[in-house]
PDB file of N, CA and C in Angstrom:
ATOM      1  N   MET A   1       0.968  -1.158   0.099  1.00  0.00           N
ATOM      2  CA  MET A   1       0.170  -0.166  -0.096  1.00  0.00           C
ATOM      3  C   MET A   1       0.883   1.115   0.285  1.00  0.00           C
ATOM      4  N   GLY A   2       0.379   2.343  -0.379  1.00  0.00           N
ATOM      5  CA  GLY A   2       0.823   3.338  -0.416  1.00  0.00           C
ATOM      6  C   GLY A   2       0.503   4.403  -0.947  1.00  0.00           C
ATOM      7  N   GLY A   3       1.419   5.886  -1.445  1.00  0.00           N
ATOM      8  CA  GLY A   3       0.288   7.052  -2.338  1.00  0.00           C
ATOM      9  C   GLY A   3      -0.374   7.832  -0.837  1.00  0.00           C
ATOM     10  N   GLU A   4      -1.387   8.818  -1.730  1.00  0.00           N
ATOM     11  CA  GLU A   4      -1.883   9.825  -1.059  1.00  0.00           C
ATOM     12  C   GLU A   4      -3.584   9.366  -0.787  1.00  0.00           C
ATOM     13  N   LYS A   5      -3.860   8.352  -1.210  1.00  0.00           N
ATOM     14  CA  LYS A   5      -5.658   7.819  -0.729  1.00  0.00           C
ATOM     15  C   LYS A   5      -5.500   7.149   0.710  1.00  0.00           C
ATOM     16  N   PRO A   6      -6.216   7.564   1.187  1.00  0.00           N
ATOM     17  CA  PRO A   6      -6.633   6.846   2.589  1.00  0.00           C
ATOM     18  C   PRO A   6      -6.173   5.183   2.610  1.00  0.00           C
ATOM     19  N   ILE A   7      -5.975   4.570   3.708  1.00  0.00           N
ATOM     20  CA  ILE A   7      -5.628   3.409   3.583  1.00  0.00           C
ATOM     21  C   ILE A   7      -7.220   2.451   3.176  1.00  0.00           C
ATOM     22  N   TYR A   8      -7.797   2.965   3.785  1.00  0.00           N
ATOM     23  CA  TYR A   8      -9.333   2.099   3.399  1.00  0.00           C
ATOM     24  C   TYR A   8     -10.097   2.542   1.779  1.00  0.00           C
ATOM     25  N   ILE A   9      -9.705   3.359   1.678  1.00  0.00           N
ATOM     26  CA  ILE A   9      -9.632   3.017   0.245  1.00  0.00           C
ATOM     27  C   ILE A   9      -8.751   2.568  -1.179  1.00  0.00           C
ATOM     28  N   GLN A  10      -7.386   2.222  -0.359  1.00  0.00           N
ATOM     29  CA  GLN A  10      -6.652   1.684  -1.173  1.00  0.00           C
ATOM     30  C   GLN A  10      -7.123   0.066  -0.846  1.00  0.00           C
ATOM     31  N   ILE A  11      -7.304  -0.480   0.368  1.00  0.00           N
ATOM     32  CA  ILE A  11      -8.012  -1.816   0.433  1.00  0.00           C
ATOM     33  C   ILE A  11      -8.871  -1.619  -0.550  1.00  0.00           C
ATOM     34  N   ALA A  12     -10.005  -1.336  -0.105  1.00  0.00           N
ATOM     35  CA  ALA A  12     -10.993  -1.130  -1.438  1.00  0.00           C
ATOM     36  C   ALA A  12     -11.098  -1.362  -2.728  1.00  0.00           C
ATOM     37  N   GLU A  13      -9.870  -0.586  -3.346  1.00  0.00           N
ATOM     38  CA  GLU A  13      -9.755  -0.614  -4.808  1.00  0.00           C
ATOM     39  C   GLU A  13      -8.520  -1.778  -4.927  1.00  0.00           C
ATOM     40  N   TRP A  14      -7.880  -2.387  -4.087  1.00  0.00           N
ATOM     41  CA  TRP A  14      -6.869  -3.522  -4.187  1.00  0.00           C
ATOM     42  C   TRP A  14      -7.923  -4.843  -4.495  1.00  0.00           C
ATOM     43  N   LEU A  15      -9.397  -4.766  -3.899  1.00  0.00           N
ATOM     44  CA  LEU A  15     -10.042  -5.898  -3.538  1.00  0.00           C
ATOM     45  C   LEU A  15     -10.475  -5.737  -5.138  1.00  0.00           C
ATOM     46  N   GLU A  16     -11.149  -4.486  -5.135  1.00  0.00           N
ATOM     47  CA  GLU A  16     -12.112  -4.562  -6.605  1.00  0.00           C
ATOM     48  C   GLU A  16     -10.883  -4.893  -7.430  1.00  0.00           C
ATOM     49  N   ASN A  17      -9.474  -4.512  -7.422  1.00  0.00           N
ATOM     50  CA  ASN A  17      -8.622  -5.245  -8.454  1.00  0.00           C
ATOM     51  C   ASN A  17      -8.328  -6.899  -8.326  1.00  0.00           C
ATOM     52  N   GLU A  18      -8.432  -7.369  -6.932  1.00  0.00           N
ATOM     53  CA  GLU A  18      -8.888  -8.783  -6.945  1.00  0.00           C
ATOM     54  C   GLU A  18      -9.877  -9.673  -8.129  1.00  0.00           C
ATOM     55  N   ILE A  19     -11.082  -8.928  -7.415  1.00  0.00           N
ATOM     56  CA  ILE A  19     -12.002  -9.314  -8.189  1.00  0.00           C
ATOM     57  C   ILE A  19     -12.376  -9.188  -9.898  1.00  0.00           C
ATOM     58  N   ILE A  20     -11.533  -8.121 -10.650  1.00  0.00           N
ATOM     59  CA  ILE A  20     -11.518  -7.815 -12.165  1.00  0.00           C
ATOM     60  C   ILE A  20     -10.380  -8.849 -12.438  1.00  0.00           C
ATOM     61  N   ASP A  21      -9.540  -8.671 -11.673  1.00  0.00           N
ATOM     62  CA  ASP A  21      -8.621  -9.836 -12.664  1.00  0.00           C
ATOM     63  C   ASP A  21      -8.431 -11.274 -12.440  1.00  0.00           C
ATOM     64  N   GLY A  22     -10.012 -11.303 -11.522  1.00  0.00           N
ATOM     65  CA  GLY A  22     -10.345 -13.324 -11.427  1.00  0.00           C
ATOM     66  C   GLY A  22      -9.473 -13.873 -10.358  1.00  0.00           C
ATOM     67  N   THR A  23      -8.952 -13.357  -9.166  1.00  0.00           N
ATOM     68  CA  THR A  23      -8.343 -13.764  -8.309  1.00  0.00           C
ATOM     69  C   THR A  23      -9.420 -13.924  -7.647  1.00  0.00           C
ATOM     70  N   LEU A  24     -10.148 -13.134  -7.090  1.00  0.00           N
ATOM     71  CA  LEU A  24     -11.498 -13.219  -6.465  1.00  0.00           C
ATOM     72  C   LEU A  24     -12.825 -13.674  -7.648  1.00  0.00           C
ATOM     73  N   LYS A  25     -13.119 -14.756  -7.287  1.00  0.00           N
ATOM     74  CA  LYS A  25     -14.621 -15.069  -7.985  1.00  0.00           C
ATOM     75  C   LYS A  25     -16.201 -14.821  -7.708  1.00  0.00           C
ATOM     76  N   ALA A  26     -16.458 -14.602  -8.472  1.00  0.00           N
ATOM     77  CA  ALA A  26     -18.478 -15.047  -8.036  1.00  0.00           C
ATOM     78  C   ALA A  26     -18.419 -15.492  -6.583  1.00  0.00           C
ATOM     79  N   ASP A  27     -18.923 -15.385  -5.592  1.00  0.00           N
ATOM     80  CA  ASP A  27     -19.519 -16.372  -4.691  1.00  0.00           C
ATOM     81  C   ASP A  27     -18.331 -17.056  -3.962  1.00  0.00           C
ATOM     82  N   ASP A  28     -16.977 -16.859  -4.078  1.00  0.00           N
ATOM     83  CA  ASP A  28     -15.228 -16.779  -3.388  1.00  0.00           C
ATOM     84  C   ASP A  28     -15.763 -15.730  -1.758  1.00  0.00           C
ATOM     85  N   LYS A  29     -15.340 -16.866  -1.098  1.00  0.00           N
ATOM     86  CA  LYS A  29     -14.865 -15.656   0.785  1.00  0.00           C
ATOM     87  C   LYS A  29     -14.584 -14.815   0.473  1.00  0.00           C
ATOM     88  N   VAL A  30     -14.040 -13.840   0.424  1.00  0.00           N
ATOM     89  CA  VAL A  30     -13.570 -12.080   1.065  1.00  0.00           C
ATOM     90  C   VAL A  30     -12.772 -12.446   2.226  1.00  0.00           C
ATOM     91  N   TYR A  31     -11.124 -12.081   2.282  1.00  0.00           N
ATOM     92  CA  TYR A  31     -10.885 -11.489   3.401  1.00  0.00           C
ATOM     93  C   TYR A  31     -11.434 -10.940   4.238  1.00  0.00           C
ATOM     94  N   SER A  32     -11.563 -11.444   5.735  1.00  0.00           N
ATOM     95  CA  SER A  32     -12.332 -10.881   6.844  1.00  0.00           C
ATOM     96  C   SER A  32     -11.164  -9.500   7.319  1.00  0.00           C
ATOM     97  N   GLN A  33     -12.096  -8.954   7.665  1.00  0.00           N
ATOM     98  CA  GLN A  33     -11.263  -7.351   8.135  1.00  0.00           C
ATOM     99  C   GLN A  33     -10.551  -7.712   8.625  1.00  0.00           C
ATOM    100  N   TYR A  34      -9.912  -8.338   9.700  1.00  0.00           N
ATOM    101  CA  TYR A  34      -9.423  -8.995  10.584  1.00  0.00           C
ATOM    102  C   TYR A  34      -7.669  -9.894   9.511  1.00  0.00           C
ATOM    103  N   GLN A  35      -8.208 -10.459   8.300  1.00  0.00           N
ATOM    104  CA  GLN A  35      -7.327 -10.859   7.657  1.00  0.00           C
ATOM    105  C   GLN A  35      -6.501  -9.727   6.922  1.00  0.00           C
ATOM    106  N   LEU A  36      -7.147  -8.985   6.150  1.00  0.00           N
ATOM    107  CA  LEU A  36      -6.624  -7.975   5.274  1.00  0.00           C
ATOM    108  C   LEU A  36      -6.228  -6.944   6.591  1.00  0.00           C
ATOM    109  N   ALA A  37      -6.163  -6.749   7.795  1.00  0.00           N
ATOM    110  CA  ALA A  37      -5.182  -6.047   8.946  1.00  0.00           C
ATOM    111  C   ALA A  37      -4.174  -6.814   9.165  1.00  0.00           C
ATOM    112  N   GLU A  38      -4.322  -8.108   9.080  1.00  0.00           N
ATOM    113  CA  GLU A  38      -2.689  -8.935   9.206  1.00  0.00           C
ATOM    114  C   GLU A  38      -1.892  -8.534   7.838  1.00  0.00           C
ATOM    115  N   LEU A  39      -2.878  -9.271   7.107  1.00  0.00           N
ATOM    116  CA  LEU A  39      -1.804  -8.690   5.742  1.00  0.00           C
ATOM    117  C   LEU A  39      -1.157  -7.626   5.043  1.00  0.00           C
ATOM    118  N   PHE A  40      -1.778  -6.107   5.688  1.00  0.00           N
ATOM    119  CA  PHE A  40      -1.467  -5.265   5.442  1.00  0.00           C
ATOM    120  C   PHE A  40      -0.811  -4.431   6.563  1.00  0.00           C
ATOM    121  N   ASN A  41      -0.745  -5.210   7.623  1.00  0.00           N
ATOM    122  CA  ASN A  41      -0.329  -4.334   9.428  1.00  0.00           C
ATOM    123  C   ASN A  41      -0.955  -2.898   9.363  1.00  0.00           C
ATOM    124  N   ILE A  42      -2.583  -3.202   9.156  1.00  0.00           N
ATOM    125  CA  ILE A  42      -3.233  -2.144   9.586  1.00  0.00           C
ATOM    126  C   ILE A  42      -4.215  -2.741  10.869  1.00  0.00           C
ATOM    127  N   ASN A  43      -5.008  -1.303  11.029  1.00  0.00           N
ATOM    128  CA  ASN A  43      -6.010  -1.344  12.267  1.00  0.00           C
ATOM    129  C   ASN A  43      -7.239  -2.623  11.560  1.00  0.00           C
ATOM    130  N   PRO A  44      -7.949  -3.387  12.153  1.00  0.00           N
ATOM    131  CA  PRO A  44      -8.744  -4.290  11.499  1.00  0.00           C
ATOM    132  C   PRO A  44     -10.009  -3.083  11.559  1.00  0.00           C
ATOM    133  N   ALA A  45     -10.529  -2.045  12.332  1.00  0.00           N
ATOM    134  CA  ALA A  45     -11.018  -0.792  11.801  1.00  0.00           C
ATOM    135  C   ALA A  45     -11.072   0.053  10.260  1.00  0.00           C
ATOM    136  N   THR A  46      -9.940  -0.381  10.328  1.00  0.00           N
ATOM    137  CA  THR A  46      -9.588   0.452   8.800  1.00  0.00           C
ATOM    138  C   THR A  46      -9.866  -0.400   7.596  1.00  0.00           C
ATOM    139  N   ALA A  47      -9.571  -1.707   7.777  1.00  0.00           N
ATOM    140  CA  ALA A  47      -9.964  -2.781   6.829  1.00  0.00           C
ATOM    141  C   ALA A  47     -11.200  -2.627   6.884  1.00  0.00           C
ATOM    142  N   GLY A  48     -12.152  -2.528   8.103  1.00  0.00           N
ATOM    143  CA  GLY A  48     -14.025  -2.469   7.792  1.00  0.00           C
ATOM    144  C   GLY A  48     -14.390  -1.507   7.409  1.00  0.00           C
ATOM    145  N   LYS A  49     -13.696  -0.442   7.525  1.00  0.00           N
ATOM    146  CA  LYS A  49     -14.073   0.217   6.118  1.00  0.00           C
ATOM    147  C   LYS A  49     -14.004   0.656   4.599  1.00  0.00           C
ATOM    148  N   GLY A  50     -12.673  -0.134   4.197  1.00  0.00           N
ATOM    149  CA  GLY A  50     -12.491  -0.655   2.752  1.00  0.00           C
ATOM    150  C   GLY A  50     -13.605  -1.847   2.440  1.00  0.00           C
ATOM    151  N   LEU A  51     -14.138  -2.990   3.388  1.00  0.00           N
ATOM    152  CA  LEU A  51     -14.900  -3.855   2.781  1.00  0.00           C
ATOM    153  C   LEU A  51     -16.057  -3.070   2.687  1.00  0.00           C
ATOM    154  N   THR A  52     -16.886  -2.091   3.963  1.00  0.00           N
ATOM    155  CA  THR A  52     -17.946  -1.402   3.548  1.00  0.00           C
ATOM    156  C   THR A  52     -18.213  -0.676   2.685  1.00  0.00           C
ATOM    157  N   ILE A  53     -16.793   0.235   1.940  1.00  0.00           N
ATOM    158  CA  ILE A  53     -17.166   0.362   0.816  1.00  0.00           C
ATOM    159  C   ILE A  53     -17.639  -0.506  -0.436  1.00  0.00           C
ATOM    160  N   LEU A  54     -17.284  -1.089  -0.061  1.00  0.00           N
ATOM    161  CA  LEU A  54     -17.941  -3.032  -1.002  1.00  0.00           C
ATOM    162  C   LEU A  54     -18.816  -3.496  -0.788  1.00  0.00           C
ATOM    163  N   LEU A  55     -19.456  -3.636   0.323  1.00  0.00           N
ATOM    164  CA  LEU A  55     -20.449  -3.761   0.543  1.00  0.00           C
ATOM    165  C   LEU A  55     -21.696  -2.757   0.399  1.00  0.00           C
ATOM    166  N   ASP A  56     -21.303  -1.500   0.474  1.00  0.00           N
ATOM    167  CA  ASP A  56     -22.742  -0.372   0.444  1.00  0.00           C
ATOM    168  C   ASP A  56     -22.537  -0.482  -1.400  1.00  0.00           C
ATOM    169  N   ALA A  57     -21.348  -0.957  -2.096  1.00  0.00           N
ATOM    170  CA  ALA A  57     -21.317  -1.202  -3.823  1.00  0.00           C
ATOM    171  C   ALA A  57     -21.955  -2.109  -4.352  1.00  0.00           C
ATOM    172  N   GLU A  58     -22.553  -2.919  -3.482  1.00  0.00           N
ATOM    173  CA  GLU A  58     -23.142  -4.383  -3.297  1.00  0.00           C
ATOM    174  C   GLU A  58     -22.282  -4.996  -4.194  1.00  0.00           C
ATOM    175  N   LEU A  59     -20.986  -5.078  -3.786  1.00  0.00           N
ATOM    176  CA  LEU A  59     -19.671  -5.812  -4.693  1.00  0.00           C
ATOM    177  C   LEU A  59     -19.499  -7.025  -3.724  1.00  0.00           C
ATOM    178  N   ILE A  60     -19.815  -7.142  -2.840  1.00  0.00           N
ATOM    179  CA  ILE A  60     -19.475  -8.210  -1.947  1.00  0.00           C
ATOM    180  C   ILE A  60     -21.283  -8.102  -0.897  1.00  0.00           C
ATOM    181  N   TYR A  61     -21.252  -9.630  -0.819  1.00  0.00           N
ATOM    182  CA  TYR A  61     -22.220  -9.372   0.621  1.00  0.00           C
ATOM    183  C   TYR A  61     -21.861 -10.614   1.663  1.00  0.00           C
ATOM    184  N   LYS A  62     -22.896 -10.778   2.865  1.00  0.00           N
ATOM    185  CA  LYS A  62     -22.870 -11.019   4.082  1.00  0.00           C
ATOM    186  C   LYS A  62     -23.410 -11.849   4.070  1.00  0.00           C
ATOM    187  N   LYS A  63     -23.191 -13.541   4.796  1.00  0.00           N
ATOM    188  CA  LYS A  63     -23.865 -14.566   4.979  1.00  0.00           C
ATOM    189  C   LYS A  63     -23.179 -14.548   6.487  1.00  0.00           C
ATOM    190  N   ARG A  64     -24.485 -14.313   7.298  1.00  0.00           N
ATOM    191  CA  ARG A  64     -24.751 -14.355   8.417  1.00  0.00           C
ATOM    192  C   ARG A  64     -23.697 -15.640   9.159  1.00  0.00           C
ATOM    193  N   GLY A  65     -22.411 -15.560   9.595  1.00  0.00           N
ATOM    194  CA  GLY A  65     -22.025 -16.515  10.394  1.00  0.00           C
ATOM    195  C   GLY A  65     -21.015 -17.617   9.712  1.00  0.00           C
ATOM    196  N   LEU A  66     -21.101 -17.192   8.348  1.00  0.00           N
ATOM    197  CA  LEU A  66     -19.966 -17.699   7.184  1.00  0.00           C
ATOM    198  C   LEU A  66     -18.727 -16.700   6.858  1.00  0.00           C
ATOM    199  N   GLY A  67     -19.162 -15.102   6.902  1.00  0.00           N
ATOM    200  CA  GLY A  67     -18.239 -14.337   6.277  1.00  0.00           C
ATOM    201  C   GLY A  67     -18.773 -13.815   5.071  1.00  0.00           C
ATOM    202  N   THR A  68     -17.596 -13.008   4.231  1.00  0.00           N
ATOM    203  CA  THR A  68     -18.404 -11.999   3.362  1.00  0.00           C
ATOM    204  C   THR A  68     -17.455 -12.636   1.804  1.00  0.00           C
ATOM    205  N   PHE A  69     -18.929 -12.512   1.200  1.00  0.00           N
ATOM    206  CA  PHE A  69     -18.418 -13.015  -0.116  1.00  0.00           C
ATOM    207  C   PHE A  69     -18.088 -12.205  -1.544  1.00  0.00           C
ATOM    208  N   VAL A  70     -18.240 -12.232  -2.771  1.00  0.00           N
ATOM    209  CA  VAL A  70     -18.136 -11.320  -3.986  1.00  0.00           C
ATOM    210  C   VAL A  70     -19.500 -11.955  -4.527  1.00  0.00           C
ATOM    211  N   SER A  71     -20.408 -10.541  -4.669  1.00  0.00           N
ATOM    212  CA  SER A  71     -21.318 -10.623  -5.235  1.00  0.00           C
ATOM    213  C   SER A  71     -21.481 -11.462  -7.105  1.00  0.00           C
ATOM    214  N   SER A  72     -22.772 -11.804  -7.164  1.00  0.00           N
ATOM    215  CA  SER A  72     -22.221 -12.758  -9.105  1.00  0.00           C
ATOM    216  C   SER A  72     -22.337 -11.664  -9.623  1.00  0.00           C
ATOM    217  N   ASN A  73     -22.518 -10.540  -9.584  1.00  0.00           N
ATOM    218  CA  ASN A  73     -22.070  -9.638 -11.168  1.00  0.00           C
ATOM    219  C   ASN A  73     -20.894  -8.677 -10.566  1.00  0.00           C
ATOM    220  N   ALA A  74     -20.758  -8.279  -9.725  1.00  0.00           N
ATOM    221  CA  ALA A  74     -19.677  -7.946  -9.075  1.00  0.00           C
ATOM    222  C   ALA A  74     -18.409  -7.708 -10.119  1.00  0.00           C
ATOM    223  N   ARG A  75     -18.098  -8.256 -10.859  1.00  0.00           N
ATOM    224  CA  ARG A  75     -16.816  -7.769 -12.053  1.00  0.00           C
ATOM    225  C   ARG A  75     -17.547  -7.181 -12.628  1.00  0.00           C
ATOM    226  N   GLU A  76     -18.363  -7.415 -13.515  1.00  0.00           N
ATOM    227  CA  GLU A  76     -19.402  -6.752 -14.774  1.00  0.00           C
ATOM    228  C   GLU A  76     -19.171  -5.145 -13.784  1.00  0.00           C
ATOM    229  N   LYS A  77     -19.738  -5.053 -12.683  1.00  0.00           N
ATOM    230  CA  LYS A  77     -20.044  -3.977 -12.235  1.00  0.00           C
ATOM    231  C   LYS A  77     -19.218  -2.886 -12.094  1.00  0.00           C
ATOM    232  N   LEU A  78     -17.645  -3.436 -11.483  1.00  0.00           N
ATOM    233  CA  LEU A  78     -16.247  -2.930 -11.612  1.00  0.00           C
ATOM    234  C   LEU A  78     -15.730  -2.818 -13.029  1.00  0.00           C
ATOM    235  N   LEU A  79     -16.140  -3.399 -13.870  1.00  0.00           N
ATOM    236  CA  LEU A  79     -16.183  -3.328 -15.359  1.00  0.00           C
ATOM    237  C   LEU A  79     -16.017  -2.268 -16.070  1.00  0.00           C
ATOM    238  N   SER A  80     -17.706  -2.357 -15.515  1.00  0.00           N
ATOM    239  CA  SER A  80     -18.225  -1.058 -16.546  1.00  0.00           C
ATOM    240  C   SER A  80     -18.070   0.307 -15.427  1.00  0.00           C
ATOM    241  N   LYS A  81     -17.915   0.154 -14.207  1.00  0.00           N
ATOM    242  CA  LYS A  81     -17.355   1.227 -13.232  1.00  0.00           C
ATOM    243  C   LYS A  81     -15.928   2.146 -13.899  1.00  0.00           C
ATOM    244  N   ARG A  82     -15.133   1.311 -14.232  1.00  0.00           N
ATOM    245  CA  ARG A  82     -13.795   1.157 -14.551  1.00  0.00           C
ATOM    246  C   ARG A  82     -14.326   2.269 -15.996  1.00  0.00           C
ATOM    247  N   LYS A  83     -14.367   1.137 -16.831  1.00  0.00           N
ATOM    248  CA  LYS A  83     -15.029   1.997 -18.110  1.00  0.00           C
ATOM    249  C   LYS A  83     -15.469   3.207 -18.358  1.00  0.00           C
ATOM    250  N   ASP A  84     -16.522   3.392 -17.554  1.00  0.00           N
ATOM    251  CA  ASP A  84     -16.857   5.062 -17.720  1.00  0.00           C
ATOM    252  C   ASP A  84     -16.316   5.635 -17.101  1.00  0.00           C
ATOM    253  N   PHE A  85     -15.654   6.016 -15.577  1.00  0.00           N
ATOM    254  CA  PHE A  85     -14.774   7.125 -15.032  1.00  0.00           C
ATOM    255  C   PHE A  85     -13.153   6.901 -15.195  1.00  0.00           C
ATOM    256  N   THR A  86     -13.135   5.852 -15.118  1.00  0.00           N
ATOM    257  CA  THR A  86     -11.295   5.758 -15.212  1.00  0.00           C
ATOM    258  C   THR A  86     -10.704   5.876 -16.763  1.00  0.00           C
ATOM    259  N   LEU A  87     -11.300   5.791 -17.963  1.00  0.00           N
ATOM    260  CA  LEU A  87     -11.260   5.732 -19.352  1.00  0.00           C
ATOM    261  C   LEU A  87     -10.941   6.727 -19.418  1.00  0.00           C
ATOM    262  N   ARG A  88     -12.790   7.372 -19.258  1.00  0.00           N
ATOM    263  CA  ARG A  88     -13.106   8.454 -19.488  1.00  0.00           C
ATOM    264  C   ARG A  88     -12.176   9.649 -19.000  1.00  0.00           C
ATOM    265  N   ARG A  89     -11.320   9.068 -17.532  1.00  0.00           N
ATOM    266  CA  ARG A  89     -10.736  10.685 -17.202  1.00  0.00           C
ATOM    267  C   ARG A  89      -9.483  10.026 -17.988  1.00  0.00           C
ATOM    268  N   LEU A  90      -8.673   9.196 -18.156  1.00  0.00           N
ATOM    269  CA  LEU A  90      -7.598   8.918 -18.841  1.00  0.00           C
ATOM    270  C   LEU A  90      -7.531   9.616 -20.795  1.00  0.00           C
ATOM    271  N   VAL A  91      -8.358   9.363 -21.158  1.00  0.00           N
ATOM    272  CA  VAL A  91      -9.015   9.705 -22.461  1.00  0.00           C
ATOM    273  C   VAL A  91      -8.847  11.008 -22.159  1.00  0.00           C
ATOM    274  N   ARG A  92      -9.313  12.020 -21.184  1.00  0.00           N
ATOM    275  CA  ARG A  92      -9.238  13.650 -21.220  1.00  0.00           C
ATOM    276  C   ARG A  92      -8.391  14.210 -20.145  1.00  0.00           C
ATOM    277  N   GLU A  93      -7.546  13.573 -20.033  1.00  0.00           N
ATOM    278  CA  GLU A  93      -5.807  13.574 -20.078  1.00  0.00           C
ATOM    279  C   GLU A  93      -5.117  13.402 -20.846  1.00  0.00           C
ATOM    280  N   LEU A  94      -5.359  12.605 -21.740  1.00  0.00           N
ATOM    281  CA  LEU A  94      -4.792  12.478 -22.959  1.00  0.00           C
ATOM    282  C   LEU A  94      -4.665  13.825 -23.972  1.00  0.00           C
ATOM    283  N   LEU A  95      -5.994  13.761 -24.403  1.00  0.00           N
ATOM    284  CA  LEU A  95      -5.983  14.817 -25.148  1.00  0.00           C
ATOM    285  C   LEU A  95      -5.880  15.978 -24.475  1.00  0.00           C
ATOM    286  N   ASP A  96      -5.887  16.653 -23.518  1.00  0.00           N
ATOM    287  CA  ASP A  96      -5.561  17.661 -22.961  1.00  0.00           C
ATOM    288  C   ASP A  96      -4.099  18.025 -23.259  1.00  0.00           C
ATOM    289  N   GLU A  97      -3.147  16.513 -22.640  1.00  0.00           N
ATOM    290  CA  GLU A  97      -1.818  16.827 -23.067  1.00  0.00           C
ATOM    291  C   GLU A  97      -1.422  16.937 -24.350  1.00  0.00           C
ATOM    292  N   ALA A  98      -2.452  16.279 -25.436  1.00  0.00           N
ATOM    293  CA  ALA A  98      -2.219  16.115 -27.143  1.00  0.00           C
ATOM    294  C   ALA A  98      -2.546  17.623 -27.279  1.00  0.00           C
ATOM    295  N   ASN A  99      -3.454  18.491 -26.844  1.00  0.00           N
ATOM    296  CA  ASN A  99      -3.233  19.514 -27.242  1.00  0.00           C
ATOM    297  C   ASN A  99      -2.615  20.549 -26.629  1.00  0.00           C
ATOM    298  N   LEU A 100      -1.949  20.939 -25.150  1.00  0.00           N
ATOM    299  CA  LEU A 100      -0.947  21.409 -25.051  1.00  0.00           C
ATOM    300  C   LEU A 100       0.354  21.421 -26.440  1.00  0.00           C
ATOM    301  N   LEU A 101       0.510  20.197 -26.547  1.00  0.00           N
ATOM    302  CA  LEU A 101       1.747  20.010 -27.489  1.00  0.00           C
ATOM    303  C   LEU A 101       1.505  20.173 -28.565  1.00  0.00           C
ATOM    304  N   GLY A 102       0.338  20.544 -29.142  1.00  0.00           N
ATOM    305  CA  GLY A 102       0.111  20.648 -30.168  1.00  0.00           C
ATOM    306  C   GLY A 102      -0.392  19.087 -31.137  1.00  0.00           C
ATOM    307  N   ILE A 103      -0.205  18.052 -30.723  1.00  0.00           N
ATOM    308  CA  ILE A 103      -0.071  17.179 -31.799  1.00  0.00           C
ATOM    309  C   ILE A 103      -1.454  17.129 -31.928  1.00  0.00           C
ATOM    310  N   GLU A 104      -1.769  16.841 -33.520  1.00  0.00           N
ATOM    311  CA  GLU A 104      -2.820  16.821 -34.421  1.00  0.00           C
ATOM    312  C   GLU A 104      -3.588  14.973 -34.353  1.00  0.00           C
ATOM    313  N   LYS A 105      -5.153  14.914 -34.189  1.00  0.00           N
ATOM    314  CA  LYS A 105      -5.847  14.123 -33.671  1.00  0.00           C
ATOM    315  C   LYS A 105      -4.976  13.183 -35.071  1.00  0.00           C
ATOM    316  N   GLU A 106      -4.439  12.953 -36.237  1.00  0.00           N
ATOM    317  CA  GLU A 106      -4.124  12.028 -36.959  1.00  0.00           C
ATOM    318  C   GLU A 106      -2.817  11.219 -35.870  1.00  0.00           C
ATOM    319  N   GLN A 107      -1.935  12.162 -35.613  1.00  0.00           N
ATOM    320  CA  GLN A 107      -0.740  11.666 -35.301  1.00  0.00           C
ATOM    321  C   GLN A 107      -1.128  11.353 -33.437  1.00  0.00           C
ATOM    322  N   LEU A 108      -1.950  11.632 -33.045  1.00  0.00           N
ATOM    323  CA  LEU A 108      -2.605  11.112 -31.927  1.00  0.00           C
ATOM    324  C   LEU A 108      -3.150   9.795 -32.156  1.00  0.00           C
ATOM    325  N   TYR A 109      -3.887   9.418 -33.029  1.00  0.00           N
ATOM    326  CA  TYR A 109      -4.175   8.096 -33.669  1.00  0.00           C
ATOM    327  C   TYR A 109      -3.438   7.047 -33.953  1.00  0.00           C
ATOM    328  N   ARG A 110      -2.042   8.036 -34.694  1.00  0.00           N
ATOM    329  CA  ARG A 110      -1.055   6.549 -35.622  1.00  0.00           C
ATOM    330  C   ARG A 110      -0.044   5.972 -33.448  1.00  0.00           C
ATOM    331  N   LEU A 111       0.046   6.816 -33.272  1.00  0.00           N
ATOM    332  CA  LEU A 111       0.670   6.857 -31.553  1.00  0.00           C
ATOM    333  C   LEU A 111       0.119   5.456 -30.898  1.00  0.00           C
ATOM    334  N   ILE A 112      -1.669   6.181 -30.531  1.00  0.00           N
ATOM    335  CA  ILE A 112      -2.406   4.751 -30.294  1.00  0.00           C
ATOM    336  C   ILE A 112      -2.413   4.028 -30.608  1.00  0.00           C
ATOM    337  N   GLU A 113      -2.314   3.927 -32.062  1.00  0.00           N
ATOM    338  CA  GLU A 113      -2.469   2.171 -32.789  1.00  0.00           C
ATOM    339  C   GLU A 113      -0.880   1.745 -32.508  1.00  0.00           C
ATOM    340  N   SER A 114       0.209   2.803 -32.704  1.00  0.00           N
ATOM    341  CA  SER A 114       1.150   1.907 -32.875  1.00  0.00           C
ATOM    342  C   SER A 114       1.527   1.435 -31.273  1.00  0.00           C
ATOM    343  N   GLU A 115       0.917   1.973 -30.175  1.00  0.00           N
ATOM    344  CA  GLU A 115       1.435   1.176 -28.598  1.00  0.00           C
ATOM    345  C   GLU A 115       0.654   0.011 -28.913  1.00  0.00           C
ATOM    346  N   ARG A 116      -0.982   0.200 -29.524  1.00  0.00           N
ATOM    347  CA  ARG A 116      -2.031  -0.998 -29.396  1.00  0.00           C
ATOM    348  C   ARG A 116      -1.069  -2.157 -29.591  1.00  0.00           C
ATOM    349  N   LYS A 117      -0.879  -2.072 -31.362  1.00  0.00           N
ATOM    350  CA  LYS A 117       0.115  -3.163 -32.268  1.00  0.00           C
ATOM    351  C   LYS A 117       1.237  -3.872 -30.946  1.00  0.00           C
ATOM    352  N   GLY A 118       1.909  -2.726 -30.411  1.00  0.00           N
ATOM    353  CA  GLY A 118       3.028  -3.187 -29.755  1.00  0.00           C
ATOM    354  C   GLY A 118       2.747  -4.209 -28.219  1.00  0.00           C
ATOM    355  N   ARG A 119       1.740  -4.398 -27.917  1.00  0.00           N
ATOM    356  CA  ARG A 119       0.863  -4.836 -26.619  1.00  0.00           C
ATOM    357  C   ARG A 119       0.270  -6.175 -27.380  1.00  0.00           C
ATOM    358  N   ALA A 120      -0.298  -5.960 -28.227  1.00  0.00           N
ATOM    359  CA  ALA A 120      -0.400  -7.277 -29.167  1.00  0.00           C
ATOM    360  C   ALA A 120       0.292  -8.524 -28.737  1.00  0.00           C
TER     361      ALA A 120
END
């Protein structure tokens, strides 16, 4: 962990990434707040706040006496959220930077296509 975001948000985002990349699948048991606290050497209450973010977003659910589990549509919800918010923000930043540098639309398209081919 690290960065400028509060630790509980970093915990929530870490768990979101675990769901997106398939490490945690639908109906898999999620780490408890105590497991997260031990894993990241943080206060259990802080870890609990991270879990609460995911509970409030209905990405995870509780089974009384059994623990917390990944919701069946959590991955799809997260992918949609990331596409809608994260990619739009990144595109805006890219366009702002391209405008600042005087890069024409066609040149920007070529750069993007070049990067895409390089990763294929």
